[in-house]
Amino acid sequence: MRNTVRSIVCALALVLAALPAYSQTAGQPGPNPNVSATQGKPASTNGSAWEFRLIPYTWMISLDTKTTVRSHTADMKIPFSDILRDMNLAGQVHFEAQKGKWGFFIDPTYLKLSQDGTLRDGRETRVQIEQWLVEMGGMYQLGKWSLDGKGKRSMTVDALGGGRYWYLSANLDFGSTTNPSKSTQWVDPFLGARLNADITEKLLFNIRGDVGGFGVGSDFSWNALAVFGYRFTNSITGLLGYRALYVDYKAGTSSIRYNMTIHGPTVGLSFSF
């Protein structure tokens, strides 16, 4: 069995505490979270009008994971090329709306992977893994400053708050009516901030950071993102950046725990209207 099969399947099985038949040398596929809410056009001077941004994007993730079950610990690194090879379906989009200083956003990510594998007892099976990561919350503009005195370039700082919903599911398909599966889910609250700045009238920069978990869902998580954008038109902006997301999660009162860092380049297009 290929190392990729083991690295993608087993840690998730350990986290879900439901698939003990797999070998111990493993990692798990991670989520594919949101790209920045970078502005696609200069901010409107009319604070009474709603502004909307729709950003389809791709996060080319790599995974660094540490999974512990009782006294057994496995450390894994999974590159994006391995995840891409086993991916069946993935979808990511960011949407936000803002009126004056207030706004809200939602960012769903879906990931489905599958692999053919072999259990310790020699049985062949197909492993299917599904994951949802849905981020939603609100924002408040703390300040806005002109960078050129003409109103064409500006810098804004926003406060962010919300939650991330995590859902993980693993299924073993033996080609029969008995196909064991297991899932887990939790919600992490988070607090953070972001800065948007117009470097030129065409080039913009966005940086975002937040911390969360606080023992409500995971014990702790942090998220960091930096993005450059180029305005092709007032309504369409190309985005290129890098994001990292860390989570420290313990499965209830069990002895199963994992630490995961998801990181990689982000590429997207922002449509403003």
Protein backbone atom coordinates (compact mmCIF):
# COMPACT_ATOMS: atom_id res chain seq x y z
CA MET A 1 0.00 0.00 0.00
CA ARG A 2 1.34 3.39 -0.92
CA ASN A 3 2.53 5.76 1.77
CA THR A 4 0.08 8.33 0.43
CA VAL A 5 -2.84 6.02 1.22
CA ARG A 6 -1.67 5.59 4.77
CA SER A 7 -0.84 9.25 5.32
CA ILE A 8 -4.22 10.44 4.08
CA VAL A 9 -6.39 7.88 5.86
CA CYS A 10 -5.10 6.87 9.25
CA ALA A 11 -4.87 10.01 11.34
CA LEU A 12 -8.45 10.92 10.52
CA ALA A 13 -9.42 7.40 11.53
CA LEU A 14 -7.62 7.90 14.82
CA VAL A 15 -9.27 11.27 15.38
CA LEU A 16 -12.72 9.78 14.76
CA ALA A 17 -11.80 6.82 17.00
CA ALA A 18 -13.62 4.47 14.70
CA LEU A 19 -11.17 2.87 12.28
CA PRO A 20 -8.59 1.02 14.43
CA ALA A 21 -7.72 -1.51 11.75
CA TYR A 22 -5.43 0.85 9.87
CA SER A 23 -1.70 0.98 10.32
CA GLN A 24 -0.21 3.67 12.56
CA THR A 25 1.98 5.56 10.09
CA ALA A 26 -0.53 8.11 8.89
CA GLY A 27 -1.70 11.69 8.46
CA GLN A 28 -5.00 13.21 7.54
CA PRO A 29 -6.41 15.49 4.87
CA GLY A 30 -7.28 18.92 6.04
CA PRO A 31 -9.65 21.60 5.23
CA ASN A 32 -9.37 24.05 2.53
CA PRO A 33 -10.36 27.31 4.17
CA ASN A 34 -11.18 30.91 2.98
CA VAL A 35 -9.27 33.40 0.94
CA SER A 36 -9.15 37.02 2.06
CA ALA A 37 -12.09 39.35 1.81
CA THR A 38 -9.83 41.73 -0.08
CA GLN A 39 -11.73 44.58 -1.64
CA GLY A 40 -12.33 44.23 -5.35
CA LYS A 41 -12.88 47.93 -5.95
CA PRO A 42 -12.28 51.19 -4.10
CA ALA A 43 -14.64 51.67 -1.18
CA SER A 44 -17.83 53.51 -1.94
CA THR A 45 -18.21 56.96 -0.49
CA ASN A 46 -21.92 56.29 0.01
CA GLY A 47 -22.16 54.63 3.42
CA SER A 48 -25.90 53.94 2.96
CA ALA A 49 -25.39 51.57 0.00
CA TRP A 50 -24.73 47.85 0.32
CA GLU A 51 -21.51 46.56 -1.24
CA PHE A 52 -21.06 42.87 -2.10
CA ARG A 53 -18.01 40.76 -2.92
CA LEU A 54 -18.04 37.22 -4.32
CA ILE A 55 -14.66 35.46 -4.37
CA PRO A 56 -14.28 31.96 -5.83
CA TYR A 57 -10.78 30.76 -4.95
CA THR A 58 -8.38 27.85 -4.58
CA TRP A 59 -6.15 27.12 -1.59
CA MET A 60 -3.28 24.81 -2.59
CA ILE A 61 -2.80 23.29 0.83
CA SER A 62 -0.03 21.25 2.37
CA LEU A 63 -0.48 19.60 5.78
CA ASP A 64 1.73 19.24 8.83
CA THR A 65 -0.02 17.03 11.38
CA LYS A 66 0.73 15.49 14.75
CA THR A 67 -1.75 12.83 15.91
CA THR A 68 -1.65 11.30 19.40
CA VAL A 69 -3.67 8.30 20.60
CA ARG A 70 -2.86 7.56 24.23
CA SER A 71 0.96 7.28 24.28
CA HIS A 72 1.35 6.81 20.51
CA THR A 73 2.22 9.83 18.37
CA ALA A 74 2.69 10.13 14.61
CA ASP A 75 4.07 13.20 12.79
CA MET A 76 3.27 13.62 9.11
CA LYS A 77 3.84 16.08 6.26
CA ILE A 78 1.55 15.80 3.21
CA PRO A 79 2.31 17.98 0.15
CA PHE A 80 -0.35 19.50 -2.06
CA SER A 81 0.57 17.19 -4.95
CA ASP A 82 -0.48 14.12 -2.93
CA ILE A 83 -3.76 15.71 -1.86
CA LEU A 84 -4.54 16.78 -5.43
CA ARG A 85 -3.96 13.25 -6.74
CA ASP A 86 -6.60 11.74 -4.43
CA MET A 87 -9.15 14.55 -4.61
CA ASN A 88 -12.63 13.75 -5.97
CA LEU A 89 -14.31 17.08 -5.42
CA ALA A 90 -13.48 20.41 -3.82
CA GLY A 91 -15.29 23.72 -3.74
CA GLN A 92 -14.50 27.06 -2.10
CA VAL A 93 -16.12 30.47 -2.24
CA HIS A 94 -16.13 33.58 -0.08
CA PHE A 95 -19.04 36.02 0.05
CA GLU A 96 -19.36 39.20 2.06
CA ALA A 97 -21.66 42.19 2.27
CA GLN A 98 -20.99 45.57 3.83
CA LYS A 99 -23.08 48.65 4.52
CA GLY A 100 -21.29 51.59 6.07
CA LYS A 101 -19.02 50.32 8.82
CA TRP A 102 -20.87 47.05 9.39
CA GLY A 103 -20.80 43.85 7.38
CA PHE A 104 -20.97 40.06 7.42
CA PHE A 105 -19.31 37.19 5.57
CA ILE A 106 -19.64 33.46 4.93
CA ASP A 107 -17.02 31.12 3.51
CA PRO A 108 -17.87 27.43 2.90
CA THR A 109 -15.26 24.87 1.86
CA TYR A 110 -16.00 21.28 0.81
CA LEU A 111 -13.44 18.54 0.26
CA LYS A 112 -13.89 14.89 -0.74
CA LEU A 113 -11.01 12.41 -1.07
CA SER A 114 -10.93 8.69 -1.80
CA GLN A 115 -8.26 6.00 -1.80
CA ASP A 116 -8.02 2.25 -2.31
CA GLY A 117 -6.38 0.60 0.70
CA THR A 118 -5.76 -2.65 2.53
CA LEU A 119 -6.67 -3.43 6.13
CA ARG A 120 -4.39 -5.35 8.48
CA ASP A 121 -6.52 -8.47 7.98
CA GLY A 122 -5.86 -8.30 4.23
CA ARG A 123 -9.27 -7.06 3.12
CA GLU A 124 -9.36 -4.54 0.28
CA THR A 125 -11.46 -1.45 0.79
CA ARG A 126 -12.05 2.00 -0.57
CA VAL A 127 -11.74 4.85 1.88
CA GLN A 128 -13.82 7.98 1.40
CA ILE A 129 -13.21 11.12 3.43
CA GLU A 130 -15.43 14.19 3.41
CA GLN A 131 -14.82 17.49 5.12
CA TRP A 132 -16.74 20.73 5.51
CA LEU A 133 -15.26 23.91 6.88
CA VAL A 134 -17.74 26.78 7.05
CA GLU A 135 -16.56 30.15 8.34
CA MET A 136 -19.04 32.92 9.07
CA GLY A 137 -19.11 36.11 11.07
CA GLY A 138 -19.38 39.86 11.17
CA MET A 139 -17.04 42.80 10.74
CA TYR A 140 -16.86 46.40 11.90
CA GLN A 141 -14.69 49.10 10.32
CA LEU A 142 -12.52 50.58 13.06
CA GLY A 143 -10.98 53.24 10.86
CA LYS A 144 -10.37 54.51 7.33
CA TRP A 145 -7.56 56.77 6.17
CA SER A 146 -6.79 58.40 2.83
CA LEU A 147 -3.37 57.56 1.36
CA ASP A 148 -3.25 60.16 -1.39
CA GLY A 149 -5.49 63.01 -0.28
CA LYS A 150 -7.69 62.48 -3.35
CA GLY A 151 -9.89 59.64 -2.14
CA LYS A 152 -8.64 57.23 -4.79
CA ARG A 153 -6.39 55.27 -2.40
CA SER A 154 -7.23 54.39 1.18
CA MET A 155 -6.42 52.09 4.07
CA THR A 156 -9.01 50.47 6.34
CA VAL A 157 -8.81 48.38 9.51
CA ASP A 158 -11.69 46.03 10.40
CA ALA A 159 -12.47 44.03 13.53
CA LEU A 160 -13.69 40.46 12.85
CA GLY A 161 -15.66 37.99 14.93
CA GLY A 162 -17.48 34.76 14.19
CA GLY A 163 -17.18 31.00 14.14
CA ARG A 164 -15.74 28.10 12.13
CA TYR A 165 -17.81 24.94 11.76
CA TRP A 166 -15.72 21.78 11.21
CA TYR A 167 -17.17 18.48 9.98
CA LEU A 168 -15.08 15.36 9.33
CA SER A 169 -16.42 12.04 8.03
CA ALA A 170 -14.68 8.78 7.08
CA ASN A 171 -16.30 5.79 5.35
CA LEU A 172 -14.97 2.32 4.51
CA ASP A 173 -16.53 0.80 1.39
CA PHE A 174 -16.16 -3.01 1.25
CA GLY A 175 -18.58 -3.33 -1.65
CA SER A 176 -21.20 -4.86 0.64
CA THR A 177 -24.17 -3.75 2.73
CA THR A 178 -21.93 -3.30 5.79
CA ASN A 179 -19.74 -0.23 5.34
CA PRO A 180 -18.54 1.29 8.64
CA SER A 181 -18.39 5.08 8.92
CA LYS A 182 -17.81 7.70 11.56
CA SER A 183 -17.98 11.48 11.78
CA THR A 184 -17.24 14.30 14.18
CA GLN A 185 -18.02 18.01 14.21
CA TRP A 186 -17.37 21.10 16.29
CA VAL A 187 -17.54 24.90 16.20
CA ASP A 188 -14.66 27.26 17.00
CA PRO A 189 -15.40 30.90 17.84
CA PHE A 190 -12.74 33.36 16.69
CA LEU A 191 -11.76 37.03 17.04
CA GLY A 192 -9.43 38.91 14.72
CA ALA A 193 -8.70 41.89 12.51
CA ARG A 194 -7.74 42.69 8.94
CA LEU A 195 -6.07 45.56 7.10
CA ASN A 196 -6.84 46.58 3.51
CA ALA A 197 -4.52 49.04 1.77
CA ASP A 198 -4.35 50.46 -1.76
CA ILE A 199 -0.66 50.42 -2.70
CA THR A 200 -1.53 52.04 -6.02
CA GLU A 201 -4.83 52.59 -7.80
CA LYS A 202 -4.40 49.09 -9.31
CA LEU A 203 -2.40 47.17 -6.70
CA LEU A 204 -3.78 46.40 -3.24
CA PHE A 205 -2.67 44.50 -0.15
CA ASN A 206 -4.65 42.67 2.52
CA ILE A 207 -3.48 41.06 5.74
CA ARG A 208 -5.69 39.20 8.21
CA GLY A 209 -5.19 37.38 11.50
CA ASP A 210 -7.41 35.78 14.13
CA VAL A 211 -7.31 33.42 17.10
CA GLY A 212 -10.04 31.05 18.24
CA GLY A 213 -11.13 27.81 19.80
CA PHE A 214 -10.80 28.94 23.40
CA GLY A 215 -11.74 25.43 24.58
CA VAL A 216 -15.25 25.72 23.11
CA GLY A 217 -14.59 23.45 20.13
CA SER A 218 -10.86 23.01 19.75
CA ASP A 219 -8.47 24.00 22.53
CA PHE A 220 -6.85 26.67 20.38
CA SER A 221 -6.57 27.80 16.76
CA TRP A 222 -4.99 30.63 14.82
CA ASN A 223 -5.30 31.86 11.27
CA ALA A 224 -3.08 34.19 9.21
CA LEU A 225 -3.40 35.40 5.63
CA ALA A 226 -1.57 37.86 3.37
CA VAL A 227 -2.87 38.68 -0.14
CA PHE A 228 -1.87 40.94 -3.01
CA GLY A 229 -4.51 41.94 -5.53
CA TYR A 230 -4.55 43.56 -8.95
CA ARG A 231 -7.64 45.41 -10.18
CA PHE A 232 -8.38 44.52 -13.79
CA THR A 233 -11.54 46.65 -13.61
CA ASN A 234 -13.49 48.41 -10.86
CA SER A 235 -15.44 45.16 -10.40
CA ILE A 236 -12.88 42.39 -11.01
CA THR A 237 -9.69 41.87 -9.01
CA GLY A 238 -7.17 39.05 -9.25
CA LEU A 239 -5.84 37.74 -5.90
CA LEU A 240 -2.64 35.91 -4.98
CA GLY A 241 -1.52 35.21 -1.43
CA TYR A 242 -0.54 32.74 1.26
CA ARG A 243 -2.54 31.38 4.20
CA ALA A 244 -1.86 29.24 7.26
CA LEU A 245 -4.42 27.78 9.68
CA TYR A 246 -3.56 25.89 12.88
CA VAL A 247 -5.87 23.86 15.12
CA ASP A 248 -5.27 21.93 18.34
CA TYR A 249 -8.21 19.55 18.77
CA LYS A 250 -9.06 16.86 21.34
CA ALA A 251 -11.89 14.44 20.64
CA GLY A 252 -14.11 14.92 23.68
CA THR A 253 -12.92 13.14 26.81
CA SER A 254 -10.94 10.55 24.84
CA SER A 255 -7.16 10.28 24.63
CA ILE A 256 -7.21 11.17 20.92
CA ARG A 257 -5.67 14.52 20.01
CA TYR A 258 -4.26 16.13 16.91
CA ASN A 259 -2.42 19.28 16.02
CA MET A 260 -2.69 20.35 12.40
CA THR A 261 -1.22 23.21 10.39
CA ILE A 262 -2.71 23.79 6.95
CA HIS A 263 -0.74 26.16 4.74
CA GLY A 264 -0.24 27.08 1.11
CA PRO A 265 -0.76 29.64 -1.67
CA THR A 266 -4.20 31.06 -2.43
CA VAL A 267 -5.44 32.14 -5.87
CA GLY A 268 -8.79 33.73 -6.61
CA LEU A 269 -10.91 36.32 -8.35
CA SER A 270 -12.98 38.97 -6.56
CA PHE A 271 -16.20 40.19 -8.16
CA SER A 272 -17.61 43.36 -6.59
CA PHE A 273 -21.09 44.69 -7.12
